[in-house]
Amino acid sequence: MPDNEMILKSIWSKVVFVAMRVVLVLLSGCVHQQFISQPYPRWGEEVRINPSDGNESLILRVLSPSEFTRAQACLLLVHGMNEHIGRYGEIARFFSRNFIVAGFDYYAHGLSNSVLRQADVALAGGSNKVEVSDAYLAQSALKNLQPLRRDLDRALRQLILLCDARGEPGRPVFIISHSLGALVTASYWVQHRKDDELAKRVQGIVLLAPAFAVSEPPGWRGWLTNPLIKLSFHAETHFLNPQNEALPLLLFNQLLSLITVPVLDGLFEVLSWPVLRSFLTPISPEWVKNYLTDSEEEKARLRADSWIVRRTLLRFVKGIEEEIVSFRRKMNQFAIPYYLVYSEHDPITPSWGSVDFARATLKRNPDNEILALHNVPYHQHLFLKEPVRSELLRKIEQWINGRASSLNEKRHVQKSHFAE
């Protein structure tokens, strides 16, 4: 009998060993590899913002009309999640006909990502190909969007200085923001709404597909993941924050959130730890690519663009959800004029987030405008097929021109009055 036990233990240990080898092989197949062989798509003049308070330097890209005096306003472009401002070269050139245009890569993205920045240096030094699989690890410090808001603040204040130095001082400044960049911009403005310097200069924000709601994956993926996404968002929304419910519902929601939020926070944190994150950090799913744009040319560019970060650390995902909940609690304080564009059937940033935002803020300013793209599921509006893309660019330009012309006229009247 002891011999039989020894044989069984030996067989079992071999089975376990083989199973572990199989698991390791499977996990190694999940390791994402990404290489860069093309230089970063630079555009405009590079203005380096020197480091301060321990922050790294930041590059501001600037394009201006041939004559600075032609610029009625200055624009800051703010890109979306995991992409980079290099993608926006054509957009910057369009607006630079009449405006001074600037853009930057915020924290953990583009050339503000240390792995991608080192790859850029290596390519410039003669390397043919550089691995950037670990670029997503720059997100490991992101438990919220504060580092991104910090970079937005630095870029915005530098643009205001440039705006005054190039031509007539005091021209209005506008921000054009997309997706996560729109959430960063909107939450930044709520934080700084009482800053007199900014309030005098920033005179409007364009919000394109703003991340004011959590994603809703379509198809079979939605059947599997949407219940968990909705549970997490519901719990985070109610966590220590009563919603004027009836007492029984209030008690239920608070109990649910007190259990769910710490568990999910802990789970996402553990899954973001070293080793585990190497095979549990999700790669950008195929369905996201299908809903970015209807342009086949742009889809090909996206597939070939290795400067886009292809993985998202789960800790960062949870932090974004918490930021959305936090902003929604304060979004009625958003008083600056805006031009809001969203797609009715966008699963990446669903329209209900934009609808809720408009309901809370639309009447706060007569210049607020909304463009809802009916029966459109695509997320990246500035990269849609023609003629929709050009029509949207013209509409944004018209809205900015209308605001800028009115403001500049008032400014000139005031200067003439003081001169007298």
Protein backbone atom coordinates (compact mmCIF):
# COMPACT_ATOMS: atom_id res chain seq x y z
CA MET A 1 0.00 0.00 0.00
CA PRO A 2 2.74 2.49 0.81
CA ASP A 3 4.29 1.66 -2.57
CA ASN A 4 0.98 2.44 -4.27
CA GLU A 5 0.81 5.77 -2.43
CA MET A 6 4.35 6.57 -3.54
CA ILE A 7 3.45 5.73 -7.14
CA LEU A 8 0.29 7.85 -6.97
CA LYS A 9 2.22 10.78 -5.48
CA SER A 10 4.86 10.44 -8.19
CA ILE A 11 2.23 10.40 -10.94
CA TRP A 12 0.37 13.34 -9.36
CA SER A 13 3.55 15.42 -9.06
CA LYS A 14 4.32 14.75 -12.72
CA VAL A 15 0.78 15.77 -13.70
CA VAL A 16 1.09 18.97 -11.70
CA PHE A 17 4.50 19.66 -13.24
CA VAL A 18 3.17 19.14 -16.78
CA ALA A 19 0.10 21.29 -16.03
CA MET A 20 2.32 24.08 -14.73
CA ARG A 21 4.45 23.88 -17.85
CA VAL A 22 1.33 24.09 -20.02
CA VAL A 23 0.10 27.11 -18.06
CA LEU A 24 3.47 28.82 -18.43
CA VAL A 25 3.45 28.15 -22.17
CA LEU A 26 -0.06 29.57 -22.43
CA LEU A 27 0.88 32.59 -20.39
CA SER A 28 3.97 33.24 -22.47
CA GLY A 29 1.67 33.31 -25.48
CA CYS A 30 -0.30 36.08 -23.77
CA VAL A 31 2.77 38.28 -23.45
CA HIS A 32 2.25 41.29 -25.71
CA GLN A 33 5.15 42.42 -27.85
CA GLN A 34 5.20 45.80 -29.56
CA PHE A 35 7.96 47.34 -31.66
CA ILE A 36 8.52 50.80 -33.12
CA SER A 37 10.35 51.21 -36.41
CA GLN A 38 8.96 54.55 -37.65
CA PRO A 39 9.90 57.95 -36.18
CA TYR A 40 7.40 59.82 -34.03
CA PRO A 41 5.04 61.83 -36.28
CA ARG A 42 6.22 65.30 -35.34
CA TRP A 43 4.46 68.45 -36.45
CA GLY A 44 5.01 72.14 -35.77
CA GLU A 45 7.64 73.88 -33.72
CA GLU A 46 8.75 72.14 -30.52
CA VAL A 47 8.63 74.34 -27.43
CA ARG A 48 10.09 72.62 -24.39
CA ILE A 49 8.43 73.39 -21.06
CA ASN A 50 11.13 73.07 -18.43
CA PRO A 51 10.61 70.72 -15.49
CA SER A 52 9.28 72.12 -12.23
CA ASP A 53 8.39 70.66 -8.82
CA GLY A 54 9.97 67.35 -9.78
CA ASN A 55 7.98 67.06 -13.02
CA GLU A 56 9.68 66.06 -16.25
CA SER A 57 9.97 68.50 -19.14
CA LEU A 58 6.99 68.68 -21.49
CA ILE A 59 7.03 69.31 -25.24
CA LEU A 60 4.46 71.71 -26.64
CA ARG A 61 3.98 71.49 -30.43
CA VAL A 62 2.99 74.79 -32.01
CA LEU A 63 1.70 75.74 -35.47
CA SER A 64 0.85 79.32 -36.41
CA PRO A 65 -0.54 81.17 -39.43
CA SER A 66 2.10 82.72 -41.71
CA GLU A 67 1.17 86.06 -40.14
CA PHE A 68 0.62 85.99 -36.39
CA THR A 69 -1.74 88.96 -36.61
CA ARG A 70 -4.23 86.81 -38.55
CA ALA A 71 -4.78 84.56 -35.55
CA GLN A 72 -8.04 85.49 -33.83
CA ALA A 73 -7.44 82.98 -31.05
CA CYS A 74 -5.15 80.26 -29.74
CA LEU A 75 -6.16 76.59 -29.55
CA LEU A 76 -4.88 73.72 -27.40
CA LEU A 77 -5.47 70.16 -28.66
CA VAL A 78 -5.89 67.46 -25.98
CA HIS A 79 -5.74 63.86 -27.21
CA GLY A 80 -7.50 60.73 -25.96
CA MET A 81 -6.56 57.66 -23.95
CA ASN A 82 -3.47 55.68 -25.03
CA GLU A 83 -2.96 57.75 -28.20
CA HIS A 84 -0.60 60.70 -28.80
CA ILE A 85 -0.70 64.23 -30.19
CA GLY A 86 1.43 63.24 -33.19
CA ARG A 87 -1.76 61.79 -34.73
CA TYR A 88 -3.28 65.28 -34.85
CA GLY A 89 -0.90 66.85 -37.39
CA GLU A 90 -3.57 67.25 -40.09
CA ILE A 91 -6.04 68.63 -37.55
CA ALA A 92 -3.45 71.15 -36.34
CA ARG A 93 -2.66 72.24 -39.90
CA PHE A 94 -6.36 72.81 -40.63
CA PHE A 95 -6.87 75.08 -37.63
CA SER A 96 -3.49 76.84 -38.01
CA ARG A 97 -4.82 78.68 -41.06
CA ASN A 98 -6.61 81.05 -38.68
CA PHE A 99 -5.42 80.20 -35.18
CA ILE A 100 -2.23 79.57 -33.24
CA VAL A 101 -2.52 75.85 -32.49
CA ALA A 102 -0.65 73.81 -29.87
CA GLY A 103 -0.74 70.23 -28.63
CA PHE A 104 1.14 68.01 -26.19
CA ASP A 105 1.45 64.42 -24.98
CA TYR A 106 0.15 64.17 -21.44
CA TYR A 107 1.56 61.88 -18.77
CA ALA A 108 2.30 58.24 -19.81
CA HIS A 109 1.43 58.95 -23.46
CA GLY A 110 3.53 59.64 -26.55
CA LEU A 111 6.85 61.32 -25.82
CA SER A 112 5.76 61.92 -22.22
CA ASN A 113 6.10 58.15 -21.77
CA SER A 114 9.68 57.26 -20.79
CA VAL A 115 9.73 53.98 -22.76
CA LEU A 116 8.46 55.67 -25.94
CA ARG A 117 10.78 58.64 -25.44
CA GLN A 118 13.79 56.33 -25.17
CA ALA A 119 12.63 54.52 -28.31
CA ASP A 120 12.50 57.86 -30.12
CA VAL A 121 16.09 58.59 -29.08
CA ALA A 122 17.20 55.10 -30.17
CA LEU A 123 15.59 55.48 -33.60
CA ALA A 124 17.23 58.87 -34.03
CA GLY A 125 20.53 57.20 -33.12
CA GLY A 126 20.23 54.70 -35.95
CA SER A 127 18.25 51.77 -34.52
CA ASN A 128 15.94 50.08 -37.01
CA LYS A 129 13.46 48.72 -34.49
CA VAL A 130 12.89 49.20 -30.75
CA GLU A 131 10.69 47.11 -28.45
CA VAL A 132 8.17 49.16 -26.47
CA SER A 133 6.05 46.36 -24.99
CA ASP A 134 6.43 47.84 -21.49
CA ALA A 135 5.21 51.32 -22.42
CA TYR A 136 1.95 50.67 -20.54
CA LEU A 137 3.86 50.38 -17.25
CA ALA A 138 4.04 54.17 -17.12
CA GLN A 139 0.39 53.88 -16.06
CA SER A 140 1.40 52.12 -12.85
CA ALA A 141 1.50 55.46 -11.00
CA LEU A 142 -1.91 56.51 -12.28
CA LYS A 143 -4.56 55.93 -9.64
CA ASN A 144 -6.36 59.06 -10.88
CA LEU A 145 -6.05 61.70 -13.61
CA GLN A 146 -4.20 64.29 -11.55
CA PRO A 147 -0.85 63.85 -13.37
CA LEU A 148 -2.68 64.37 -16.67
CA ARG A 149 -4.42 67.50 -15.35
CA ARG A 150 -1.04 68.76 -14.14
CA ASP A 151 0.41 68.45 -17.65
CA LEU A 152 -2.68 70.11 -19.12
CA ASP A 153 -2.17 73.03 -16.75
CA ARG A 154 1.49 73.40 -17.74
CA ALA A 155 0.70 73.23 -21.46
CA LEU A 156 -2.21 75.66 -21.19
CA ARG A 157 -0.27 78.29 -19.27
CA GLN A 158 2.65 78.01 -21.70
CA LEU A 159 0.26 78.46 -24.64
CA ILE A 160 -1.15 81.62 -23.04
CA LEU A 161 2.40 83.04 -22.82
CA LEU A 162 3.06 82.15 -26.47
CA CYS A 163 -0.30 83.55 -27.50
CA ASP A 164 0.58 86.91 -25.97
CA ALA A 165 4.11 86.90 -27.38
CA ARG A 166 2.98 86.26 -30.95
CA GLY A 167 0.94 89.19 -32.11
CA GLU A 168 -1.66 91.03 -30.11
CA PRO A 169 -1.78 90.11 -26.39
CA GLY A 170 -5.02 89.11 -24.73
CA ARG A 171 -6.51 86.97 -27.48
CA PRO A 172 -8.95 84.29 -26.29
CA VAL A 173 -7.83 80.71 -25.84
CA PHE A 174 -9.89 77.61 -26.64
CA ILE A 175 -9.39 73.91 -25.91
CA ILE A 176 -10.35 71.09 -28.29
CA SER A 177 -10.42 67.82 -26.34
CA HIS A 178 -11.26 64.21 -27.18
CA SER A 179 -12.53 61.27 -25.08
CA LEU A 180 -10.38 60.82 -21.97
CA GLY A 181 -8.76 64.15 -22.82
CA ALA A 182 -12.22 65.72 -22.59
CA LEU A 183 -12.71 64.23 -19.11
CA VAL A 184 -9.26 65.50 -18.10
CA THR A 185 -10.12 68.96 -19.47
CA ALA A 186 -13.61 69.17 -17.98
CA SER A 187 -12.51 67.96 -14.53
CA TYR A 188 -9.52 70.33 -14.68
CA TRP A 189 -11.83 73.24 -15.41
CA VAL A 190 -14.14 72.38 -12.51
CA GLN A 191 -11.08 72.41 -10.24
CA HIS A 192 -9.80 75.75 -11.62
CA ARG A 193 -13.07 77.53 -12.36
CA LYS A 194 -12.24 80.25 -9.80
CA ASP A 195 -8.79 80.94 -11.23
CA ASP A 196 -9.20 84.51 -12.52
CA GLU A 197 -6.24 84.32 -14.91
CA LEU A 198 -7.61 81.24 -16.65
CA ALA A 199 -11.21 82.48 -16.56
CA LYS A 200 -10.19 85.63 -18.44
CA ARG A 201 -8.32 83.78 -21.17
CA VAL A 202 -9.97 80.39 -21.74
CA GLN A 203 -13.23 81.25 -23.47
CA GLY A 204 -14.54 77.91 -24.66
CA ILE A 205 -14.00 74.16 -24.73
CA VAL A 206 -14.83 71.70 -27.50
CA LEU A 207 -15.74 68.30 -26.03
CA LEU A 208 -15.53 65.45 -28.55
CA ALA A 209 -16.94 62.08 -27.42
CA PRO A 210 -16.19 62.97 -23.78
CA ALA A 211 -15.58 60.14 -21.33
CA PHE A 212 -18.48 61.04 -19.07
CA ALA A 213 -19.74 57.43 -18.98
CA VAL A 214 -18.17 53.97 -18.69
CA SER A 215 -17.78 51.83 -21.79
CA GLU A 216 -20.43 49.36 -22.93
CA PRO A 217 -18.79 46.62 -25.04
CA PRO A 218 -21.12 45.35 -27.78
CA GLY A 219 -22.10 41.80 -28.72
CA TRP A 220 -21.15 38.72 -26.74
CA ARG A 221 -18.40 40.63 -24.90
CA GLY A 222 -21.09 42.91 -23.52
CA TRP A 223 -23.11 39.97 -22.26
CA LEU A 224 -20.05 38.84 -20.30
CA THR A 225 -18.62 42.14 -19.08
CA ASN A 226 -21.38 44.76 -18.97
CA PRO A 227 -23.06 43.39 -15.82
CA LEU A 228 -19.75 43.68 -13.93
CA ILE A 229 -19.04 47.14 -15.40
CA LYS A 230 -22.52 48.35 -14.44
CA LEU A 231 -22.28 46.83 -10.95
CA SER A 232 -18.91 48.50 -10.37
CA PHE A 233 -20.14 51.86 -11.67
CA HIS A 234 -23.37 51.68 -9.63
CA ALA A 235 -21.47 50.80 -6.47
CA GLU A 236 -18.87 53.54 -7.05
CA THR A 237 -21.65 56.08 -7.68
CA HIS A 238 -23.39 55.25 -4.39
CA PHE A 239 -20.26 54.67 -2.31
CA LEU A 240 -20.70 56.88 0.78
CA ASN A 241 -22.86 59.17 -1.33
CA PRO A 242 -26.66 58.92 -0.79
CA GLN A 243 -28.80 59.68 -3.86
CA ASN A 244 -32.04 60.81 -2.18
CA GLU A 245 -33.46 57.30 -2.43
CA ALA A 246 -36.13 55.84 -0.20
CA LEU A 247 -34.63 54.51 3.03
CA PRO A 248 -34.77 50.77 2.11
CA LEU A 249 -33.09 51.44 -1.26
CA LEU A 250 -30.59 53.77 0.37
CA LEU A 251 -29.57 51.07 2.86
CA PHE A 252 -29.33 48.46 0.10
CA ASN A 253 -27.17 50.67 -2.13
CA GLN A 254 -24.85 51.66 0.69
CA LEU A 255 -24.42 48.05 1.81
CA LEU A 256 -23.79 46.96 -1.77
CA SER A 257 -21.24 49.71 -2.35
CA LEU A 258 -19.47 49.16 0.98
CA ILE A 259 -18.90 45.54 -0.02
CA THR A 260 -18.35 45.90 -3.77
CA VAL A 261 -16.07 48.95 -4.00
CA PRO A 262 -13.29 47.75 -1.61
CA VAL A 263 -13.38 44.26 -3.15
CA LEU A 264 -13.09 45.54 -6.73
CA ASP A 265 -10.50 48.17 -5.79
CA GLY A 266 -8.43 45.45 -4.13
CA LEU A 267 -8.87 43.06 -7.05
CA PHE A 268 -7.85 45.61 -9.69
CA GLU A 269 -4.89 46.62 -7.53
CA VAL A 270 -3.70 43.01 -7.14
CA LEU A 271 -4.10 42.35 -10.87
CA SER A 272 -1.87 45.39 -11.50
CA TRP A 273 1.02 44.03 -9.43
CA PRO A 274 4.29 43.00 -11.11
CA VAL A 275 4.27 39.51 -12.67
CA LEU A 276 0.47 39.31 -12.60
CA ARG A 277 0.10 42.39 -14.78
CA SER A 278 2.44 40.94 -17.40
CA PHE A 279 -0.29 38.55 -18.52
CA LEU A 280 -3.49 39.99 -17.00
CA THR A 281 -3.24 43.53 -18.39
CA PRO A 282 -5.70 43.62 -21.31
CA ILE A 283 -4.63 44.46 -24.84
CA SER A 284 -6.86 46.84 -26.79
CA PRO A 285 -9.72 44.59 -27.94
CA GLU A 286 -10.68 44.29 -31.59
CA TRP A 287 -14.16 45.70 -31.02
CA VAL A 288 -12.65 49.04 -29.94
CA LYS A 289 -10.82 49.36 -33.27
CA ASN A 290 -14.06 48.69 -35.14
CA TYR A 291 -15.82 51.56 -33.39
CA LEU A 292 -13.10 54.20 -33.65
CA THR A 293 -13.75 55.32 -37.23
CA ASP A 294 -15.55 54.38 -40.44
CA SER A 295 -12.49 55.29 -42.53
CA GLU A 296 -10.56 52.26 -43.80
CA GLU A 297 -7.56 54.49 -44.45
CA GLU A 298 -7.58 55.68 -40.86
CA LYS A 299 -8.02 52.12 -39.56
CA ALA A 300 -4.89 51.12 -41.48
CA ARG A 301 -3.02 54.04 -39.91
CA LEU A 302 -4.17 52.99 -36.45
CA ARG A 303 -3.01 49.41 -36.98
CA ALA A 304 0.40 50.63 -38.14
CA ASP A 305 0.83 53.23 -35.39
CA SER A 306 3.11 51.69 -32.77
CA TRP A 307 3.27 54.94 -30.79
CA ILE A 308 -0.21 54.13 -29.48
CA VAL A 309 -0.07 52.28 -26.14
CA ARG A 310 -1.85 48.97 -26.74
CA ARG A 311 -2.37 47.86 -23.15
CA THR A 312 -4.15 49.46 -20.21
CA LEU A 313 -3.24 48.67 -16.62
CA LEU A 314 -6.32 47.65 -14.64
CA ARG A 315 -5.45 50.04 -11.82
CA PHE A 316 -5.67 52.88 -14.37
CA VAL A 317 -9.03 51.58 -15.64
CA LYS A 318 -10.44 51.62 -12.11
CA GLY A 319 -9.02 55.08 -11.53
CA ILE A 320 -10.77 56.39 -14.65
CA GLU A 321 -14.08 54.96 -13.45
CA GLU A 322 -13.67 56.74 -10.11
CA GLU A 323 -12.82 59.98 -11.95
CA ILE A 324 -15.99 59.69 -14.07
CA VAL A 325 -18.10 59.23 -10.94
CA SER A 326 -16.37 62.14 -9.21
CA PHE A 327 -16.86 64.46 -12.19
CA ARG A 328 -20.53 63.56 -12.61
CA ARG A 329 -21.14 64.65 -9.00
CA LYS A 330 -19.70 68.09 -9.80
CA MET A 331 -20.49 68.57 -13.49
CA ASN A 332 -23.28 71.07 -12.79
CA GLN A 333 -20.46 73.46 -11.75
CA PHE A 334 -19.11 73.47 -15.33
CA ALA A 335 -20.00 76.99 -16.52
CA ILE A 336 -17.57 77.76 -19.37
CA PRO A 337 -19.09 77.83 -22.90
CA TYR A 338 -18.76 74.53 -24.75
CA TYR A 339 -19.38 72.82 -28.06
CA LEU A 340 -20.31 69.21 -27.32
CA VAL A 341 -20.11 66.50 -30.01
CA TYR A 342 -21.09 62.89 -29.40
CA SER A 343 -22.28 59.83 -31.30
CA GLU A 344 -25.62 58.38 -30.28
CA HIS A 345 -24.40 54.77 -30.52
CA ASP A 346 -20.78 55.07 -29.39
CA PRO A 347 -20.04 52.08 -27.10
CA ILE A 348 -16.63 53.45 -26.04
CA THR A 349 -17.99 56.60 -24.40
CA PRO A 350 -21.77 56.01 -24.44
CA SER A 351 -24.05 58.94 -25.20
CA TRP A 352 -25.89 58.84 -21.86
CA GLY A 353 -22.85 60.47 -20.25
CA SER A 354 -23.02 63.41 -22.66
CA VAL A 355 -26.82 63.64 -22.35
CA ASP A 356 -26.56 63.82 -18.56
CA PHE A 357 -23.84 66.47 -18.81
CA ALA A 358 -25.91 68.59 -21.23
CA ARG A 359 -28.98 68.29 -19.03
CA ALA A 360 -26.99 69.65 -16.08
CA THR A 361 -25.13 72.46 -17.90
CA LEU A 362 -26.71 73.47 -21.23
CA LYS A 363 -28.65 76.47 -19.91
CA ARG A 364 -25.68 77.89 -18.01
CA ASN A 365 -24.41 79.73 -21.09
CA PRO A 366 -26.21 80.90 -24.26
CA ASP A 367 -23.19 79.95 -26.41
CA ASN A 368 -23.35 76.28 -25.44
CA GLU A 369 -24.04 74.07 -28.47
CA ILE A 370 -24.58 70.34 -28.95
CA LEU A 371 -24.05 68.22 -32.05
CA ALA A 372 -25.46 64.73 -31.62
CA LEU A 373 -24.49 62.43 -34.50
CA HIS A 374 -27.60 60.33 -35.00
CA ASN A 375 -27.25 56.63 -35.83
CA VAL A 376 -23.45 56.95 -35.70
CA PRO A 377 -21.46 54.46 -33.57
CA TYR A 378 -17.98 55.89 -34.15
CA HIS A 379 -15.81 57.44 -31.47
CA GLN A 380 -13.02 59.47 -33.10
CA HIS A 381 -14.96 62.23 -34.83
CA LEU A 382 -11.92 64.08 -36.16
CA PHE A 383 -10.86 60.96 -38.08
CA LEU A 384 -14.13 60.01 -39.79
CA LYS A 385 -14.55 59.62 -43.55
CA GLU A 386 -15.08 62.60 -45.78
CA PRO A 387 -17.18 64.69 -46.10
CA VAL A 388 -18.31 64.26 -42.47
CA ARG A 389 -14.82 64.98 -41.13
CA SER A 390 -14.39 68.27 -42.99
CA GLU A 391 -17.93 69.36 -42.17
CA LEU A 392 -17.28 68.78 -38.47
CA LEU A 393 -13.98 70.67 -38.59
CA ARG A 394 -15.75 73.62 -40.23
CA LYS A 395 -18.49 73.58 -37.60
CA ILE A 396 -15.92 73.62 -34.79
CA GLU A 397 -14.07 76.44 -36.53
CA GLN A 398 -17.30 78.43 -36.97
CA TRP A 399 -18.18 78.04 -33.28
CA ILE A 400 -14.71 79.18 -32.20
CA ASN A 401 -14.73 82.05 -34.72
CA GLY A 402 -18.10 83.23 -33.47
CA ARG A 403 -16.92 83.31 -29.88
CA ALA A 404 -13.51 84.79 -30.72
CA SER A 405 -14.87 87.56 -32.97
CA SER A 406 -17.34 88.68 -30.33
CA LEU A 407 -14.73 88.63 -27.56
CA ASN A 408 -12.09 90.43 -29.64
CA GLU A 409 -14.60 93.12 -30.59
CA LYS A 410 -15.43 93.71 -26.92
CA ARG A 411 -11.75 93.81 -26.07
CA HIS A 412 -11.03 96.42 -28.74
CA VAL A 413 -13.96 98.56 -27.58
CA GLN A 414 -12.64 98.42 -24.01
CA LYS A 415 -9.10 99.39 -25.15
CA SER A 416 -10.49 102.32 -27.15
CA HIS A 417 -12.52 103.45 -24.15
CA PHE A 418 -9.48 103.40 -21.85
CA ALA A 419 -7.41 105.18 -24.51
CA GLU A 420 -9.91 108.06 -24.55
